[in-house]
Amino acid sequence: MARIALLAAALLLAGTAAAAEPAKHGCTAPEHPGRMASDNQQKVFNKKNKEYGDCMKKYIADQQAVIQAATDAANAAINEFNEYAKKINALAEE
């Protein structure tokens, strides 16, 4: 039984090698205007800096959702295979 579970895990891991590469984020970090920047330059920087942070947070949350969905799918496949293996083993022992 343990061999079957290990085989299932190995097959799942082998399948992940063909998975698509995650998309790169499209966020652009603003360039800091320096200590001598005018108030207007600082305001523009602060606005762009917040937009950058929000963009990165959204990208991270989106990627975490993809990871969770993949983990859930893998766990469901493992459970399905383990149930199948139990049935096969029970039939073999009859």
N, C-alpha and C. Protein backbone atom coordinates (compact mmCIF):
# COMPACT_ATOMS: atom_id res chain seq x y z
N MET A 1 0.83 -1.20 0.00
CA MET A 1 0.00 0.00 0.00
C MET A 1 0.88 1.26 0.00
N ALA A 2 1.92 1.24 0.82
CA ALA A 2 2.82 2.40 0.87
C ALA A 2 3.48 2.61 -0.48
N ARG A 3 3.80 1.49 -1.17
CA ARG A 3 4.41 1.62 -2.49
C ARG A 3 3.48 2.32 -3.46
N ILE A 4 2.21 1.99 -3.38
CA ILE A 4 1.23 2.60 -4.28
C ILE A 4 1.11 4.08 -4.01
N ALA A 5 1.07 4.47 -2.73
CA ALA A 5 0.99 5.88 -2.38
C ALA A 5 2.22 6.63 -2.87
N LEU A 6 3.40 6.01 -2.73
CA LEU A 6 4.63 6.64 -3.20
C LEU A 6 4.62 6.77 -4.73
N LEU A 7 4.11 5.75 -5.39
CA LEU A 7 4.01 5.81 -6.84
C LEU A 7 3.08 6.94 -7.28
N ALA A 8 1.96 7.06 -6.59
CA ALA A 8 1.02 8.13 -6.92
C ALA A 8 1.66 9.49 -6.73
N ALA A 9 2.38 9.67 -5.62
CA ALA A 9 3.05 10.94 -5.37
C ALA A 9 4.10 11.22 -6.45
N ALA A 10 4.85 10.20 -6.84
CA ALA A 10 5.87 10.37 -7.87
C ALA A 10 5.24 10.76 -9.20
N LEU A 11 4.13 10.13 -9.54
CA LEU A 11 3.45 10.46 -10.79
C LEU A 11 2.93 11.90 -10.77
N LEU A 12 2.41 12.32 -9.63
CA LEU A 12 1.93 13.70 -9.52
C LEU A 12 3.07 14.69 -9.66
N LEU A 13 4.19 14.39 -9.04
CA LEU A 13 5.34 15.29 -9.13
C LEU A 13 5.89 15.32 -10.55
N ALA A 14 5.89 14.20 -11.23
CA ALA A 14 6.37 14.16 -12.61
C ALA A 14 5.48 15.01 -13.51
N GLY A 15 4.20 15.02 -13.24
CA GLY A 15 3.27 15.81 -14.03
C GLY A 15 3.45 17.29 -13.85
N THR A 16 3.96 17.70 -12.71
CA THR A 16 4.13 19.14 -12.47
C THR A 16 5.28 19.72 -13.27
N ALA A 17 6.19 18.89 -13.73
CA ALA A 17 7.32 19.40 -14.51
C ALA A 17 6.84 20.02 -15.83
N ALA A 18 5.72 19.54 -16.34
CA ALA A 18 5.20 20.06 -17.59
C ALA A 18 4.26 21.25 -17.37
N ALA A 19 4.08 21.67 -16.14
CA ALA A 19 3.17 22.77 -15.84
C ALA A 19 3.69 24.07 -16.45
N ALA A 20 2.78 24.94 -16.76
CA ALA A 20 3.14 26.22 -17.37
C ALA A 20 3.89 27.10 -16.37
N GLU A 21 4.78 27.90 -16.90
CA GLU A 21 5.49 28.87 -16.07
C GLU A 21 4.51 29.93 -15.60
N PRO A 22 4.63 30.36 -14.35
CA PRO A 22 3.73 31.43 -13.90
C PRO A 22 4.02 32.74 -14.63
N ALA A 23 2.97 33.51 -14.81
CA ALA A 23 3.12 34.80 -15.49
C ALA A 23 3.96 35.75 -14.63
N LYS A 24 4.78 36.53 -15.29
CA LYS A 24 5.54 37.56 -14.58
C LYS A 24 4.59 38.71 -14.23
N HIS A 25 4.90 39.38 -13.16
CA HIS A 25 4.06 40.52 -12.80
C HIS A 25 4.33 41.67 -13.77
N GLY A 26 3.35 42.51 -13.93
CA GLY A 26 3.49 43.66 -14.82
C GLY A 26 3.66 44.95 -14.04
N CYS A 27 4.08 44.83 -12.80
CA CYS A 27 4.22 46.01 -11.94
C CYS A 27 5.54 46.72 -12.23
N THR A 28 5.49 48.04 -12.19
CA THR A 28 6.69 48.84 -12.44
C THR A 28 7.01 49.66 -11.20
N ALA A 29 8.20 49.41 -10.64
CA ALA A 29 8.63 50.15 -9.46
C ALA A 29 9.01 51.57 -9.87
N PRO A 30 8.50 52.55 -9.15
CA PRO A 30 8.86 53.94 -9.49
C PRO A 30 10.28 54.26 -9.02
N GLU A 31 10.90 55.17 -9.72
CA GLU A 31 12.23 55.61 -9.32
C GLU A 31 12.08 56.71 -8.27
N HIS A 32 12.81 56.56 -7.19
CA HIS A 32 12.74 57.58 -6.13
C HIS A 32 13.37 58.87 -6.65
N PRO A 33 12.71 60.00 -6.42
CA PRO A 33 13.22 61.27 -6.96
C PRO A 33 14.41 61.84 -6.19
N GLY A 34 14.76 61.26 -5.08
CA GLY A 34 15.90 61.76 -4.30
C GLY A 34 15.47 62.69 -3.17
N ARG A 35 16.44 62.99 -2.31
CA ARG A 35 16.14 63.82 -1.14
C ARG A 35 15.79 65.25 -1.49
N MET A 36 16.28 65.71 -2.59
CA MET A 36 16.09 67.12 -2.96
C MET A 36 14.84 67.32 -3.84
N ALA A 37 13.98 66.32 -3.90
CA ALA A 37 12.78 66.40 -4.76
C ALA A 37 11.82 67.47 -4.24
N SER A 38 11.10 68.04 -5.18
CA SER A 38 10.07 69.03 -4.81
C SER A 38 8.88 68.30 -4.19
N ASP A 39 8.00 69.08 -3.58
CA ASP A 39 6.79 68.48 -2.99
C ASP A 39 5.97 67.75 -4.06
N ASN A 40 5.88 68.36 -5.23
CA ASN A 40 5.11 67.73 -6.31
C ASN A 40 5.74 66.41 -6.74
N GLN A 41 7.07 66.37 -6.85
CA GLN A 41 7.77 65.14 -7.22
C GLN A 41 7.55 64.07 -6.15
N GLN A 42 7.56 64.47 -4.90
CA GLN A 42 7.32 63.52 -3.80
C GLN A 42 5.90 62.98 -3.86
N LYS A 43 4.93 63.85 -4.16
CA LYS A 43 3.53 63.41 -4.25
C LYS A 43 3.36 62.41 -5.40
N VAL A 44 3.97 62.72 -6.53
CA VAL A 44 3.89 61.81 -7.68
C VAL A 44 4.53 60.48 -7.32
N PHE A 45 5.71 60.54 -6.69
CA PHE A 45 6.39 59.31 -6.28
C PHE A 45 5.52 58.51 -5.31
N ASN A 46 4.97 59.17 -4.31
CA ASN A 46 4.15 58.47 -3.32
C ASN A 46 2.95 57.79 -3.97
N LYS A 47 2.34 58.47 -4.93
CA LYS A 47 1.19 57.89 -5.65
C LYS A 47 1.63 56.65 -6.43
N LYS A 48 2.73 56.78 -7.18
CA LYS A 48 3.22 55.66 -7.98
C LYS A 48 3.73 54.52 -7.08
N ASN A 49 4.30 54.87 -5.95
CA ASN A 49 4.79 53.86 -5.01
C ASN A 49 3.62 53.04 -4.45
N LYS A 50 2.51 53.71 -4.14
CA LYS A 50 1.32 53.01 -3.65
C LYS A 50 0.75 52.11 -4.74
N GLU A 51 0.69 52.63 -5.97
CA GLU A 51 0.19 51.83 -7.09
C GLU A 51 1.06 50.58 -7.29
N TYR A 52 2.37 50.74 -7.16
CA TYR A 52 3.29 49.61 -7.29
C TYR A 52 3.02 48.58 -6.19
N GLY A 53 2.90 49.05 -4.97
CA GLY A 53 2.61 48.13 -3.85
C GLY A 53 1.29 47.40 -4.03
N ASP A 54 0.26 48.12 -4.47
CA ASP A 54 -1.04 47.50 -4.71
C ASP A 54 -0.96 46.47 -5.83
N CYS A 55 -0.23 46.80 -6.88
CA CYS A 55 -0.05 45.89 -8.00
C CYS A 55 0.64 44.60 -7.54
N MET A 56 1.71 44.74 -6.77
CA MET A 56 2.44 43.57 -6.27
C MET A 56 1.57 42.72 -5.34
N LYS A 57 0.81 43.38 -4.47
CA LYS A 57 -0.08 42.64 -3.56
C LYS A 57 -1.12 41.84 -4.33
N LYS A 58 -1.66 42.44 -5.39
CA LYS A 58 -2.65 41.74 -6.21
C LYS A 58 -2.00 40.56 -6.92
N TYR A 59 -0.82 40.77 -7.48
CA TYR A 59 -0.11 39.68 -8.16
C TYR A 59 0.14 38.53 -7.19
N ILE A 60 0.61 38.84 -6.01
CA ILE A 60 0.91 37.82 -5.01
C ILE A 60 -0.36 37.07 -4.62
N ALA A 61 -1.43 37.78 -4.37
CA ALA A 61 -2.70 37.13 -4.01
C ALA A 61 -3.20 36.23 -5.15
N ASP A 62 -3.07 36.70 -6.38
CA ASP A 62 -3.48 35.90 -7.54
C ASP A 62 -2.65 34.62 -7.64
N GLN A 63 -1.35 34.74 -7.45
CA GLN A 63 -0.47 33.57 -7.52
C GLN A 63 -0.76 32.60 -6.38
N GLN A 64 -1.04 33.12 -5.19
CA GLN A 64 -1.37 32.25 -4.07
C GLN A 64 -2.67 31.49 -4.33
N ALA A 65 -3.62 32.12 -5.01
CA ALA A 65 -4.88 31.44 -5.35
C ALA A 65 -4.62 30.30 -6.35
N VAL A 66 -3.73 30.54 -7.31
CA VAL A 66 -3.37 29.50 -8.28
C VAL A 66 -2.69 28.34 -7.56
N ILE A 67 -1.79 28.66 -6.65
CA ILE A 67 -1.08 27.63 -5.89
C ILE A 67 -2.07 26.80 -5.07
N GLN A 68 -3.00 27.47 -4.41
CA GLN A 68 -3.98 26.77 -3.59
C GLN A 68 -4.85 25.85 -4.44
N ALA A 69 -5.27 26.33 -5.61
CA ALA A 69 -6.09 25.51 -6.49
C ALA A 69 -5.31 24.27 -6.96
N ALA A 70 -4.03 24.45 -7.29
CA ALA A 70 -3.21 23.32 -7.72
C ALA A 70 -3.00 22.33 -6.57
N THR A 71 -2.79 22.84 -5.38
CA THR A 71 -2.61 21.99 -4.21
C THR A 71 -3.88 21.20 -3.93
N ASP A 72 -5.02 21.86 -4.00
CA ASP A 72 -6.30 21.18 -3.78
C ASP A 72 -6.52 20.09 -4.81
N ALA A 73 -6.21 20.39 -6.07
CA ALA A 73 -6.38 19.40 -7.14
C ALA A 73 -5.45 18.20 -6.93
N ALA A 74 -4.21 18.47 -6.56
CA ALA A 74 -3.25 17.39 -6.31
C ALA A 74 -3.71 16.52 -5.14
N ASN A 75 -4.16 17.16 -4.06
CA ASN A 75 -4.63 16.40 -2.91
C ASN A 75 -5.85 15.56 -3.25
N ALA A 76 -6.75 16.09 -4.06
CA ALA A 76 -7.92 15.33 -4.48
C ALA A 76 -7.50 14.13 -5.31
N ALA A 77 -6.53 14.31 -6.19
CA ALA A 77 -6.03 13.20 -7.01
C ALA A 77 -5.38 12.13 -6.15
N ILE A 78 -4.62 12.55 -5.17
CA ILE A 78 -3.98 11.59 -4.25
C ILE A 78 -5.05 10.80 -3.50
N ASN A 79 -6.05 11.50 -2.99
CA ASN A 79 -7.12 10.82 -2.26
C ASN A 79 -7.86 9.84 -3.16
N GLU A 80 -8.16 10.27 -4.38
CA GLU A 80 -8.85 9.39 -5.33
C GLU A 80 -8.02 8.15 -5.61
N PHE A 81 -6.73 8.34 -5.85
CA PHE A 81 -5.86 7.20 -6.15
C PHE A 81 -5.73 6.27 -4.95
N ASN A 82 -5.61 6.84 -3.77
CA ASN A 82 -5.50 6.01 -2.56
C ASN A 82 -6.76 5.17 -2.35
N GLU A 83 -7.93 5.74 -2.60
CA GLU A 83 -9.19 4.99 -2.49
C GLU A 83 -9.22 3.87 -3.52
N TYR A 84 -8.78 4.16 -4.71
CA TYR A 84 -8.72 3.16 -5.77
C TYR A 84 -7.78 2.02 -5.35
N ALA A 85 -6.60 2.39 -4.85
CA ALA A 85 -5.62 1.38 -4.43
C ALA A 85 -6.17 0.51 -3.30
N LYS A 86 -6.91 1.10 -2.37
CA LYS A 86 -7.52 0.32 -1.29
C LYS A 86 -8.48 -0.71 -1.85
N LYS A 87 -9.30 -0.30 -2.82
CA LYS A 87 -10.26 -1.22 -3.44
C LYS A 87 -9.55 -2.36 -4.16
N ILE A 88 -8.50 -2.03 -4.91
CA ILE A 88 -7.74 -3.04 -5.63
C ILE A 88 -7.07 -4.00 -4.67
N ASN A 89 -6.47 -3.47 -3.62
CA ASN A 89 -5.81 -4.31 -2.61
C ASN A 89 -6.82 -5.20 -1.91
N ALA A 90 -8.00 -4.68 -1.62
CA ALA A 90 -9.04 -5.48 -0.95
C ALA A 90 -9.49 -6.61 -1.88
N LEU A 91 -9.63 -6.33 -3.16
CA LEU A 91 -10.01 -7.37 -4.12
C LEU A 91 -8.93 -8.43 -4.23
N ALA A 92 -7.67 -8.02 -4.18
CA ALA A 92 -6.55 -8.96 -4.28
C ALA A 92 -6.46 -9.86 -3.06
N GLU A 93 -6.92 -9.38 -1.92
CA GLU A 93 -6.85 -10.16 -0.68
C GLU A 93 -8.01 -11.11 -0.51
N GLU A 94 -9.04 -11.02 -1.34
CA GLU A 94 -10.21 -11.89 -1.22
C GLU A 94 -9.92 -13.31 -1.61
